[in-house]
């Protein structure tokens, strides 16, 4: 990805730990001041997350429940794939999540 695009995303923090009500602690891929978290979805991720006997659909549902638990602690969640990060169109989508919170200039 060209450096110009990477800089425009302005990642504040990486790998933030979020303790949730169930007692679990989840680690997110990106974090902006505990207000917005970014989760990267690679094509291999869900196959790797499968527990013995689970389908990829089961892993996806478990991941959605994890995201709900993180969201319940307060932050907004934005998901992206490598394809999103390569496209300039992702930057405005992320900006729309960050600007109302004062995390980037409006």
PDB file of N, CA and C in Angstrom:
ATOM      1  N   UNK A   1       0.854  -1.167   0.000  1.00  0.00           N
ATOM      2  CA  UNK A   1       0.000   0.000   0.000  1.00  0.00           C
ATOM      3  C   UNK A   1       0.903   1.234   0.000  1.00  0.00           C
ATOM      4  N   UNK A   2       0.591   2.212  -0.820  1.00  0.00           N
ATOM      5  CA  UNK A   2       1.417   3.416  -0.842  1.00  0.00           C
ATOM      6  C   UNK A   2       1.438   4.108   0.516  1.00  0.00           C
ATOM      7  N   UNK A   3       2.581   4.680   0.880  1.00  0.00           N
ATOM      8  CA  UNK A   3       2.736   5.347   2.179  1.00  0.00           C
ATOM      9  C   UNK A   3       1.712   6.450   2.349  1.00  0.00           C
ATOM     10  N   UNK A   4       1.359   7.127   1.285  1.00  0.00           N
ATOM     11  CA  UNK A   4       0.378   8.223   1.359  1.00  0.00           C
ATOM     12  C   UNK A   4      -0.939   7.732   1.965  1.00  0.00           C
ATOM     13  N   UNK A   5      -1.391   6.552   1.590  1.00  0.00           N
ATOM     14  CA  UNK A   5      -2.639   6.020   2.129  1.00  0.00           C
ATOM     15  C   UNK A   5      -2.476   5.552   3.565  1.00  0.00           C
ATOM     16  N   UNK A   6      -1.383   4.900   3.873  1.00  0.00           N
ATOM     17  CA  UNK A   6      -1.166   4.424   5.244  1.00  0.00           C
ATOM     18  C   UNK A   6      -1.189   5.577   6.227  1.00  0.00           C
ATOM     19  N   UNK A   7      -0.515   6.664   5.904  1.00  0.00           N
ATOM     20  CA  UNK A   7      -0.479   7.809   6.807  1.00  0.00           C
ATOM     21  C   UNK A   7      -1.865   8.401   7.011  1.00  0.00           C
ATOM     22  N   UNK A   8      -2.704   8.395   5.984  1.00  0.00           N
ATOM     23  CA  UNK A   8      -4.007   9.025   6.091  1.00  0.00           C
ATOM     24  C   UNK A   8      -4.935   8.270   7.047  1.00  0.00           C
ATOM     25  N   UNK A   9      -4.656   7.001   7.344  1.00  0.00           N
ATOM     26  CA  UNK A   9      -5.495   6.247   8.265  1.00  0.00           C
ATOM     27  C   UNK A   9      -5.221   6.595   9.719  1.00  0.00           C
ATOM     28  N   UNK A  10      -4.045   7.067  10.027  1.00  0.00           N
ATOM     29  CA  UNK A  10      -3.682   7.561  11.351  1.00  0.00           C
ATOM     30  C   UNK A  10      -4.058   6.610  12.485  1.00  0.00           C
ATOM     31  N   UNK A  11      -3.485   5.410  12.476  1.00  0.00           N
ATOM     32  CA  UNK A  11      -3.757   4.465  13.550  1.00  0.00           C
ATOM     33  C   UNK A  11      -3.145   4.966  14.843  1.00  0.00           C
ATOM     34  N   UNK A  12      -3.919   5.044  15.904  1.00  0.00           N
ATOM     35  CA  UNK A  12      -3.441   5.551  17.195  1.00  0.00           C
ATOM     36  C   UNK A  12      -2.783   4.469  18.030  1.00  0.00           C
ATOM     37  N   UNK A  13      -3.357   3.298  18.044  1.00  0.00           N
ATOM     38  CA  UNK A  13      -2.813   2.244  18.890  1.00  0.00           C
ATOM     39  C   UNK A  13      -3.066   0.888  18.262  1.00  0.00           C
ATOM     40  N   UNK A  14      -2.259  -0.049  18.623  1.00  0.00           N
ATOM     41  CA  UNK A  14      -2.426  -1.400  18.108  1.00  0.00           C
ATOM     42  C   UNK A  14      -2.601  -2.361  19.274  1.00  0.00           C
ATOM     43  N   UNK A  15      -3.348  -3.401  19.019  1.00  0.00           N
ATOM     44  CA  UNK A  15      -3.481  -4.512  19.964  1.00  0.00           C
ATOM     45  C   UNK A  15      -3.930  -4.088  21.366  1.00  0.00           C
ATOM     46  N   UNK A  16      -5.018  -3.357  21.452  1.00  0.00           N
ATOM     47  CA  UNK A  16      -5.575  -2.942  22.748  1.00  0.00           C
ATOM     48  C   UNK A  16      -6.330  -4.112  23.374  1.00  0.00           C
ATOM     49  N   UNK A  17      -6.226  -4.259  24.674  1.00  0.00           N
ATOM     50  CA  UNK A  17      -6.923  -5.310  25.420  1.00  0.00           C
ATOM     51  C   UNK A  17      -8.217  -4.734  25.992  1.00  0.00           C
ATOM     52  N   UNK A  18      -9.334  -5.432  25.759  1.00  0.00           N
ATOM     53  CA  UNK A  18     -10.635  -5.004  26.253  1.00  0.00           C
ATOM     54  C   UNK A  18     -11.217  -6.064  27.172  1.00  0.00           C
ATOM     55  N   UNK A  19     -11.244  -5.812  28.492  1.00  0.00           N
ATOM     56  CA  UNK A  19     -11.952  -6.730  29.388  1.00  0.00           C
ATOM     57  C   UNK A  19     -13.458  -6.537  29.180  1.00  0.00           C
ATOM     58  N   UNK A  20     -14.199  -7.627  29.122  1.00  0.00           N
ATOM     59  CA  UNK A  20     -15.634  -7.553  28.863  1.00  0.00           C
ATOM     60  C   UNK A  20     -16.423  -8.189  30.007  1.00  0.00           C
ATOM     61  N   UNK A  21     -17.738  -7.975  29.998  1.00  0.00           N
ATOM     62  CA  UNK A  21     -18.604  -8.401  31.103  1.00  0.00           C
ATOM     63  C   UNK A  21     -18.551  -9.897  31.374  1.00  0.00           C
ATOM     64  N   UNK A  22     -18.323 -10.700  30.351  1.00  0.00           N
ATOM     65  CA  UNK A  22     -18.301 -12.159  30.536  1.00  0.00           C
ATOM     66  C   UNK A  22     -17.063 -12.629  31.298  1.00  0.00           C
ATOM     67  N   UNK A  23     -16.118 -11.708  31.515  1.00  0.00           N
ATOM     68  CA  UNK A  23     -14.881 -12.076  32.193  1.00  0.00           C
ATOM     69  C   UNK A  23     -13.720 -12.321  31.233  1.00  0.00           C
ATOM     70  N   UNK A  24     -14.027 -12.387  29.948  1.00  0.00           N
ATOM     71  CA  UNK A  24     -12.972 -12.563  28.944  1.00  0.00           C
ATOM     72  C   UNK A  24     -12.248 -11.243  28.715  1.00  0.00           C
ATOM     73  N   UNK A  25     -11.086 -11.312  28.135  1.00  0.00           N
ATOM     74  CA  UNK A  25     -10.362 -10.131  27.684  1.00  0.00           C
ATOM     75  C   UNK A  25     -10.040 -10.350  26.221  1.00  0.00           C
ATOM     76  N   UNK A  26     -10.488  -9.426  25.378  1.00  0.00           N
ATOM     77  CA  UNK A  26     -10.263  -9.541  23.942  1.00  0.00           C
ATOM     78  C   UNK A  26      -9.234  -8.518  23.498  1.00  0.00           C
ATOM     79  N   UNK A  27      -8.430  -8.900  22.530  1.00  0.00           N
ATOM     80  CA  UNK A  27      -7.418  -8.014  21.966  1.00  0.00           C
ATOM     81  C   UNK A  27      -7.898  -7.578  20.589  1.00  0.00           C
ATOM     82  N   UNK A  28      -7.927  -6.261  20.368  1.00  0.00           N
ATOM     83  CA  UNK A  28      -8.350  -5.736  19.074  1.00  0.00           C
ATOM     84  C   UNK A  28      -7.123  -5.428  18.221  1.00  0.00           C
ATOM     85  N   UNK A  29      -7.343  -5.320  16.921  1.00  0.00           N
ATOM     86  CA  UNK A  29      -6.234  -5.065  16.000  1.00  0.00           C
ATOM     87  C   UNK A  29      -5.771  -3.611  16.027  1.00  0.00           C
ATOM     88  N   UNK A  30      -6.698  -2.680  16.128  1.00  0.00           N
ATOM     89  CA  UNK A  30      -6.383  -1.250  16.150  1.00  0.00           C
ATOM     90  C   UNK A  30      -7.271  -0.567  17.169  1.00  0.00           C
ATOM     91  N   UNK A  31      -6.825   0.567  17.676  1.00  0.00           N
ATOM     92  CA  UNK A  31      -7.607   1.287  18.676  1.00  0.00           C
ATOM     93  C   UNK A  31      -7.359   2.787  18.555  1.00  0.00           C
ATOM     94  N   UNK A  32      -8.421   3.538  18.689  1.00  0.00           N
ATOM     95  CA  UNK A  32      -8.332   5.000  18.737  1.00  0.00           C
ATOM     96  C   UNK A  32      -8.932   5.455  20.057  1.00  0.00           C
ATOM     97  N   UNK A  33      -8.073   5.675  21.046  1.00  0.00           N
ATOM     98  CA  UNK A  33      -8.471   6.258  22.335  1.00  0.00           C
ATOM     99  C   UNK A  33      -9.627   5.525  23.021  1.00  0.00           C
ATOM    100  N   UNK A  34      -9.739   4.231  22.874  1.00  0.00           N
ATOM    101  CA  UNK A  34     -10.804   3.419  23.478  1.00  0.00           C
ATOM    102  C   UNK A  34     -12.185   3.760  22.934  1.00  0.00           C
ATOM    103  N   UNK A  35     -12.270   4.623  21.911  1.00  0.00           N
ATOM    104  CA  UNK A  35     -13.576   5.037  21.381  1.00  0.00           C
ATOM    105  C   UNK A  35     -13.960   4.309  20.100  1.00  0.00           C
ATOM    106  N   UNK A  36     -12.973   3.943  19.303  1.00  0.00           N
ATOM    107  CA  UNK A  36     -13.203   3.201  18.060  1.00  0.00           C
ATOM    108  C   UNK A  36     -12.143   2.112  17.991  1.00  0.00           C
ATOM    109  N   UNK A  37     -12.575   0.912  17.676  1.00  0.00           N
ATOM    110  CA  UNK A  37     -11.615  -0.160  17.454  1.00  0.00           C
ATOM    111  C   UNK A  37     -11.743  -0.633  16.018  1.00  0.00           C
ATOM    112  N   UNK A  38     -10.623  -1.038  15.464  1.00  0.00           N
ATOM    113  CA  UNK A  38     -10.590  -1.595  14.120  1.00  0.00           C
ATOM    114  C   UNK A  38     -10.240  -3.058  14.196  1.00  0.00           C
ATOM    115  N   UNK A  39     -10.983  -3.847  13.484  1.00  0.00           N
ATOM    116  CA  UNK A  39     -10.735  -5.274  13.422  1.00  0.00           C
ATOM    117  C   UNK A  39     -10.436  -5.651  11.984  1.00  0.00           C
ATOM    118  N   UNK A  40      -9.296  -6.291  11.779  1.00  0.00           N
ATOM    119  CA  UNK A  40      -8.867  -6.716  10.462  1.00  0.00           C
ATOM    120  C   UNK A  40      -9.360  -8.132  10.214  1.00  0.00           C
ATOM    121  N   UNK A  41     -10.016  -8.343   9.093  1.00  0.00           N
ATOM    122  CA  UNK A  41     -10.517  -9.665   8.718  1.00  0.00           C
ATOM    123  C   UNK A  41      -9.763 -10.180   7.502  1.00  0.00           C
ATOM    124  N   UNK A  42      -8.846 -11.085   7.717  1.00  0.00           N
ATOM    125  CA  UNK A  42      -8.142 -11.725   6.613  1.00  0.00           C
ATOM    126  C   UNK A  42      -8.908 -12.952   6.155  1.00  0.00           C
ATOM    127  N   UNK A  43      -8.679 -13.376   4.943  1.00  0.00           N
ATOM    128  CA  UNK A  43      -9.405 -14.522   4.402  1.00  0.00           C
ATOM    129  C   UNK A  43      -9.126 -15.809   5.165  1.00  0.00           C
ATOM    130  N   UNK A  44      -7.943 -15.927   5.744  1.00  0.00           N
ATOM    131  CA  UNK A  44      -7.570 -17.155   6.446  1.00  0.00           C
ATOM    132  C   UNK A  44      -8.062 -17.136   7.891  1.00  0.00           C
ATOM    133  N   UNK A  45      -8.374 -15.967   8.397  1.00  0.00           N
ATOM    134  CA  UNK A  45      -8.692 -15.793   9.819  1.00  0.00           C
ATOM    135  C   UNK A  45      -9.744 -16.770  10.328  1.00  0.00           C
ATOM    136  N   UNK A  46     -10.875 -16.869   9.667  1.00  0.00           N
ATOM    137  CA  UNK A  46     -11.967 -17.666  10.224  1.00  0.00           C
ATOM    138  C   UNK A  46     -11.670 -19.153  10.195  1.00  0.00           C
ATOM    139  N   UNK A  47     -10.977 -19.635   9.188  1.00  0.00           N
ATOM    140  CA  UNK A  47     -10.561 -21.034   9.189  1.00  0.00           C
ATOM    141  C   UNK A  47      -9.631 -21.327  10.346  1.00  0.00           C
ATOM    142  N   UNK A  48      -8.746 -20.381  10.655  1.00  0.00           N
ATOM    143  CA  UNK A  48      -7.793 -20.527  11.758  1.00  0.00           C
ATOM    144  C   UNK A  48      -8.503 -20.457  13.110  1.00  0.00           C
ATOM    145  N   UNK A  49      -9.629 -19.732  13.174  1.00  0.00           N
ATOM    146  CA  UNK A  49     -10.362 -19.589  14.437  1.00  0.00           C
ATOM    147  C   UNK A  49     -11.244 -20.788  14.759  1.00  0.00           C
ATOM    148  N   UNK A  50     -11.432 -21.677  13.802  1.00  0.00           N
ATOM    149  CA  UNK A  50     -12.307 -22.821  14.035  1.00  0.00           C
ATOM    150  C   UNK A  50     -11.752 -23.720  15.132  1.00  0.00           C
ATOM    151  N   UNK A  51     -12.638 -24.053  16.051  1.00  0.00           N
ATOM    152  CA  UNK A  51     -12.302 -25.020  17.086  1.00  0.00           C
ATOM    153  C   UNK A  51     -12.614 -26.408  16.525  1.00  0.00           C
ATOM    154  N   UNK A  52     -12.079 -27.456  17.110  1.00  0.00           N
ATOM    155  CA  UNK A  52     -12.364 -28.809  16.602  1.00  0.00           C
ATOM    156  C   UNK A  52     -13.876 -29.057  16.496  1.00  0.00           C
ATOM    157  N   UNK A  53     -14.294 -29.499  15.316  1.00  0.00           N
ATOM    158  CA  UNK A  53     -15.706 -29.799  15.087  1.00  0.00           C
ATOM    159  C   UNK A  53     -16.539 -28.610  14.646  1.00  0.00           C
ATOM    160  N   UNK A  54     -15.965 -27.425  14.628  1.00  0.00           N
ATOM    161  CA  UNK A  54     -16.702 -26.232  14.224  1.00  0.00           C
ATOM    162  C   UNK A  54     -16.592 -25.988  12.726  1.00  0.00           C
ATOM    163  N   UNK A  55     -17.617 -25.351  12.193  1.00  0.00           N
ATOM    164  CA  UNK A  55     -17.567 -24.900  10.805  1.00  0.00           C
ATOM    165  C   UNK A  55     -17.067 -23.455  10.789  1.00  0.00           C
ATOM    166  N   UNK A  56     -16.751 -22.969   9.604  1.00  0.00           N
ATOM    167  CA  UNK A  56     -16.361 -21.564   9.482  1.00  0.00           C
ATOM    168  C   UNK A  56     -17.523 -20.674   9.915  1.00  0.00           C
ATOM    169  N   UNK A  57     -18.749 -21.086   9.606  1.00  0.00           N
ATOM    170  CA  UNK A  57     -19.923 -20.302  10.029  1.00  0.00           C
ATOM    171  C   UNK A  57     -19.968 -20.179  11.551  1.00  0.00           C
ATOM    172  N   UNK A  58     -19.649 -21.261  12.274  1.00  0.00           N
ATOM    173  CA  UNK A  58     -19.612 -21.206  13.742  1.00  0.00           C
ATOM    174  C   UNK A  58     -18.568 -20.198  14.215  1.00  0.00           C
ATOM    175  N   UNK A  59     -17.398 -20.189  13.574  1.00  0.00           N
ATOM    176  CA  UNK A  59     -16.333 -19.261  13.952  1.00  0.00           C
ATOM    177  C   UNK A  59     -16.754 -17.819  13.679  1.00  0.00           C
ATOM    178  N   UNK A  60     -17.445 -17.590  12.577  1.00  0.00           N
ATOM    179  CA  UNK A  60     -17.922 -16.238  12.250  1.00  0.00           C
ATOM    180  C   UNK A  60     -18.932 -15.775  13.298  1.00  0.00           C
ATOM    181  N   UNK A  61     -19.843 -16.642  13.685  1.00  0.00           N
ATOM    182  CA  UNK A  61     -20.842 -16.270  14.703  1.00  0.00           C
ATOM    183  C   UNK A  61     -20.152 -15.969  16.030  1.00  0.00           C
ATOM    184  N   UNK A  62     -19.184 -16.793  16.411  1.00  0.00           N
ATOM    185  CA  UNK A  62     -18.446 -16.548  17.648  1.00  0.00           C
ATOM    186  C   UNK A  62     -17.716 -15.200  17.590  1.00  0.00           C
ATOM    187  N   UNK A  63     -17.159 -14.875  16.427  1.00  0.00           N
ATOM    188  CA  UNK A  63     -16.470 -13.599  16.253  1.00  0.00           C
ATOM    189  C   UNK A  63     -17.448 -12.425  16.350  1.00  0.00           C
ATOM    190  N   UNK A  64     -18.648 -12.584  15.813  1.00  0.00           N
ATOM    191  CA  UNK A  64     -19.666 -11.526  15.921  1.00  0.00           C
ATOM    192  C   UNK A  64     -20.077 -11.325  17.381  1.00  0.00           C
ATOM    193  N   UNK A  65     -20.218 -12.392  18.147  1.00  0.00           N
ATOM    194  CA  UNK A  65     -20.549 -12.272  19.568  1.00  0.00           C
ATOM    195  C   UNK A  65     -19.423 -11.574  20.329  1.00  0.00           C
ATOM    196  N   UNK A  66     -18.172 -11.884  19.970  1.00  0.00           N
ATOM    197  CA  UNK A  66     -17.007 -11.213  20.555  1.00  0.00           C
ATOM    198  C   UNK A  66     -17.066  -9.721  20.261  1.00  0.00           C
ATOM    199  N   UNK A  67     -17.371  -9.385  19.011  1.00  0.00           N
ATOM    200  CA  UNK A  67     -17.485  -7.972  18.632  1.00  0.00           C
ATOM    201  C   UNK A  67     -18.589  -7.279  19.425  1.00  0.00           C
ATOM    202  N   UNK A  68     -19.718  -7.950  19.620  1.00  0.00           N
ATOM    203  CA  UNK A  68     -20.811  -7.369  20.418  1.00  0.00           C
ATOM    204  C   UNK A  68     -20.353  -7.098  21.844  1.00  0.00           C
ATOM    205  N   UNK A  69     -19.587  -8.024  22.432  1.00  0.00           N
ATOM    206  CA  UNK A  69     -19.086  -7.818  23.794  1.00  0.00           C
ATOM    207  C   UNK A  69     -18.140  -6.620  23.856  1.00  0.00           C
ATOM    208  N   UNK A  70     -17.291  -6.465  22.851  1.00  0.00           N
ATOM    209  CA  UNK A  70     -16.393  -5.298  22.811  1.00  0.00           C
ATOM    210  C   UNK A  70     -17.214  -4.029  22.667  1.00  0.00           C
ATOM    211  N   UNK A  71     -18.189  -4.043  21.766  1.00  0.00           N
ATOM    212  CA  UNK A  71     -19.041  -2.870  21.540  1.00  0.00           C
ATOM    213  C   UNK A  71     -19.797  -2.496  22.823  1.00  0.00           C
ATOM    214  N   UNK A  72     -20.200  -3.483  23.609  1.00  0.00           N
ATOM    215  CA  UNK A  72     -20.913  -3.220  24.866  1.00  0.00           C
ATOM    216  C   UNK A  72     -20.055  -2.453  25.874  1.00  0.00           C
ATOM    217  N   UNK A  73     -18.732  -2.467  25.715  1.00  0.00           N
ATOM    218  CA  UNK A  73     -17.864  -1.708  26.619  1.00  0.00           C
ATOM    219  C   UNK A  73     -17.746  -0.239  26.204  1.00  0.00           C
ATOM    220  N   UNK A  74     -18.310   0.107  25.042  1.00  0.00           N
ATOM    221  CA  UNK A  74     -18.338   1.512  24.638  1.00  0.00           C
ATOM    222  C   UNK A  74     -17.822   1.879  23.266  1.00  0.00           C
ATOM    223  N   UNK A  75     -16.759   1.246  22.753  1.00  0.00           N
ATOM    224  CA  UNK A  75     -16.233   1.715  21.477  1.00  0.00           C
ATOM    225  C   UNK A  75     -17.093   1.318  20.286  1.00  0.00           C
ATOM    226  N   UNK A  76     -16.976   2.104  19.234  1.00  0.00           N
ATOM    227  CA  UNK A  76     -17.535   1.730  17.943  1.00  0.00           C
ATOM    228  C   UNK A  76     -16.553   0.764  17.309  1.00  0.00           C
ATOM    229  N   UNK A  77     -17.048  -0.126  16.466  1.00  0.00           N
ATOM    230  CA  UNK A  77     -16.192  -1.113  15.822  1.00  0.00           C
ATOM    231  C   UNK A  77     -16.257  -0.916  14.311  1.00  0.00           C
ATOM    232  N   UNK A  78     -15.104  -0.863  13.693  1.00  0.00           N
ATOM    233  CA  UNK A  78     -15.025  -0.802  12.232  1.00  0.00           C
ATOM    234  C   UNK A  78     -14.190  -1.986  11.776  1.00  0.00           C
ATOM    235  N   UNK A  79     -14.683  -2.712  10.797  1.00  0.00           N
ATOM    236  CA  UNK A  79     -13.987  -3.886  10.277  1.00  0.00           C
ATOM    237  C   UNK A  79     -13.419  -3.567   8.902  1.00  0.00           C
ATOM    238  N   UNK A  80     -12.299  -4.196   8.601  1.00  0.00           N
ATOM    239  CA  UNK A  80     -11.710  -4.006   7.282  1.00  0.00           C
ATOM    240  C   UNK A  80     -11.002  -5.276   6.842  1.00  0.00           C
ATOM    241  N   UNK A  81     -10.856  -5.401   5.541  1.00  0.00           N
ATOM    242  CA  UNK A  81     -10.094  -6.491   4.943  1.00  0.00           C
ATOM    243  C   UNK A  81      -8.867  -5.876   4.275  1.00  0.00           C
ATOM    244  N   UNK A  82      -7.966  -6.719   3.827  1.00  0.00           N
ATOM    245  CA  UNK A  82      -6.799  -6.208   3.113  1.00  0.00           C
ATOM    246  C   UNK A  82      -7.249  -5.425   1.883  1.00  0.00           C
ATOM    247  N   UNK A  83      -8.273  -5.907   1.207  1.00  0.00           N
ATOM    248  CA  UNK A  83      -8.804  -5.209   0.036  1.00  0.00           C
ATOM    249  C   UNK A  83      -9.280  -3.806   0.418  1.00  0.00           C
ATOM    250  N   UNK A  84      -9.941  -3.672   1.574  1.00  0.00           N
ATOM    251  CA  UNK A  84     -10.376  -2.342   2.045  1.00  0.00           C
ATOM    252  C   UNK A  84      -9.182  -1.419   2.234  1.00  0.00           C
ATOM    253  N   UNK A  85      -8.135  -1.946   2.857  1.00  0.00           N
ATOM    254  CA  UNK A  85      -6.965  -1.125   3.142  1.00  0.00           C
ATOM    255  C   UNK A  85      -6.234  -0.692   1.875  1.00  0.00           C
ATOM    256  N   UNK A  86      -6.357  -1.471   0.825  1.00  0.00           N
ATOM    257  CA  UNK A  86      -5.726  -1.109  -0.440  1.00  0.00           C
ATOM    258  C   UNK A  86      -6.539  -0.081  -1.220  1.00  0.00           C
ATOM    259  N   UNK A  87      -7.820   0.049  -0.897  1.00  0.00           N
ATOM    260  CA  UNK A  87      -8.689   0.977  -1.623  1.00  0.00           C
ATOM    261  C   UNK A  87      -8.754   2.302  -0.886  1.00  0.00           C
ATOM    262  N   UNK A  88      -8.661   3.357  -1.618  1.00  0.00           N
ATOM    263  CA  UNK A  88      -8.743   4.692  -1.029  1.00  0.00           C
ATOM    264  C   UNK A  88     -10.137   4.938  -0.428  1.00  0.00           C
ATOM    265  N   UNK A  89     -11.149   4.214  -0.877  1.00  0.00           N
ATOM    266  CA  UNK A  89     -12.517   4.405  -0.388  1.00  0.00           C
ATOM    267  C   UNK A  89     -12.661   4.083   1.096  1.00  0.00           C
ATOM    268  N   UNK A  90     -11.752   3.283   1.660  1.00  0.00           N
ATOM    269  CA  UNK A  90     -11.849   2.943   3.078  1.00  0.00           C
ATOM    270  C   UNK A  90     -11.549   4.148   3.967  1.00  0.00           C
ATOM    271  N   UNK A  91     -10.673   5.022   3.522  1.00  0.00           N
ATOM    272  CA  UNK A  91     -10.279   6.169   4.338  1.00  0.00           C
ATOM    273  C   UNK A  91     -11.468   7.050   4.712  1.00  0.00           C
ATOM    274  N   UNK A  92     -12.350   7.436   3.764  1.00  0.00           N
ATOM    275  CA  UNK A  92     -13.513   8.242   4.164  1.00  0.00           C
ATOM    276  C   UNK A  92     -14.445   7.501   5.129  1.00  0.00           C
ATOM    277  N   UNK A  93     -14.582   6.184   4.952  1.00  0.00           N
ATOM    278  CA  UNK A  93     -15.442   5.404   5.854  1.00  0.00           C
ATOM    279  C   UNK A  93     -14.896   5.453   7.272  1.00  0.00           C
ATOM    280  N   UNK A  94     -13.595   5.271   7.419  1.00  0.00           N
ATOM    281  CA  UNK A  94     -12.971   5.351   8.732  1.00  0.00           C
ATOM    282  C   UNK A  94     -13.059   6.770   9.287  1.00  0.00           C
ATOM    283  N   UNK A  95     -12.843   7.750   8.448  1.00  0.00           N
ATOM    284  CA  UNK A  95     -12.917   9.160   8.866  1.00  0.00           C
ATOM    285  C   UNK A  95     -14.306   9.478   9.432  1.00  0.00           C
ATOM    286  N   UNK A  96     -15.358   8.940   8.808  1.00  0.00           N
ATOM    287  CA  UNK A  96     -16.730   9.180   9.304  1.00  0.00           C
ATOM    288  C   UNK A  96     -16.926   8.616  10.708  1.00  0.00           C
ATOM    289  N   UNK A  97     -16.200   7.577  11.065  1.00  0.00           N
ATOM    290  CA  UNK A  97     -16.282   7.015  12.422  1.00  0.00           C
ATOM    291  C   UNK A  97     -15.465   7.827  13.427  1.00  0.00           C
ATOM    292  N   UNK A  98     -14.330   8.371  12.978  1.00  0.00           N
ATOM    293  CA  UNK A  98     -13.409   9.052  13.893  1.00  0.00           C
ATOM    294  C   UNK A  98     -13.744  10.525  14.097  1.00  0.00           C
ATOM    295  N   UNK A  99     -14.220  11.209  13.066  1.00  0.00           N
ATOM    296  CA  UNK A  99     -14.435  12.669  13.135  1.00  0.00           C
ATOM    297  C   UNK A  99     -15.442  13.095  14.200  1.00  0.00           C
ATOM    298  N   UNK A 100     -16.611  12.448  14.324  1.00  0.00           N
ATOM    299  CA  UNK A 100     -17.564  12.899  15.345  1.00  0.00           C
ATOM    300  C   UNK A 100     -17.040  12.792  16.778  1.00  0.00           C
ATOM    301  N   UNK A 101     -16.020  11.975  16.962  1.00  0.00           N
ATOM    302  CA  UNK A 101     -15.436  11.781  18.287  1.00  0.00           C
ATOM    303  C   UNK A 101     -14.233  12.687  18.532  1.00  0.00           C
ATOM    304  N   UNK A 102     -13.917  13.527  17.536  1.00  0.00           N
ATOM    305  CA  UNK A 102     -12.781  14.446  17.667  1.00  0.00           C
ATOM    306  C   UNK A 102     -11.428  13.762  17.522  1.00  0.00           C
ATOM    307  N   UNK A 103     -11.407  12.566  16.934  1.00  0.00           N
ATOM    308  CA  UNK A 103     -10.159  11.827  16.796  1.00  0.00           C
ATOM    309  C   UNK A 103      -9.395  12.200  15.518  1.00  0.00           C
ATOM    310  N   UNK A 104     -10.072  12.855  14.594  1.00  0.00           N
ATOM    311  CA  UNK A 104      -9.453  13.435  13.395  1.00  0.00           C
ATOM    312  C   UNK A 104     -10.173  14.749  13.125  1.00  0.00           C
ATOM    313  N   UNK A 105      -9.550  15.613  12.359  1.00  0.00           N
ATOM    314  CA  UNK A 105     -10.185  16.887  12.014  1.00  0.00           C
ATOM    315  C   UNK A 105     -11.446  16.619  11.202  1.00  0.00           C
ATOM    316  N   UNK A 106     -12.493  17.367  11.488  1.00  0.00           N
ATOM    317  CA  UNK A 106     -13.776  17.191  10.793  1.00  0.00           C
ATOM    318  C   UNK A 106     -13.703  17.672   9.369  1.00  0.00           C
TER     319      UNK A 106
END
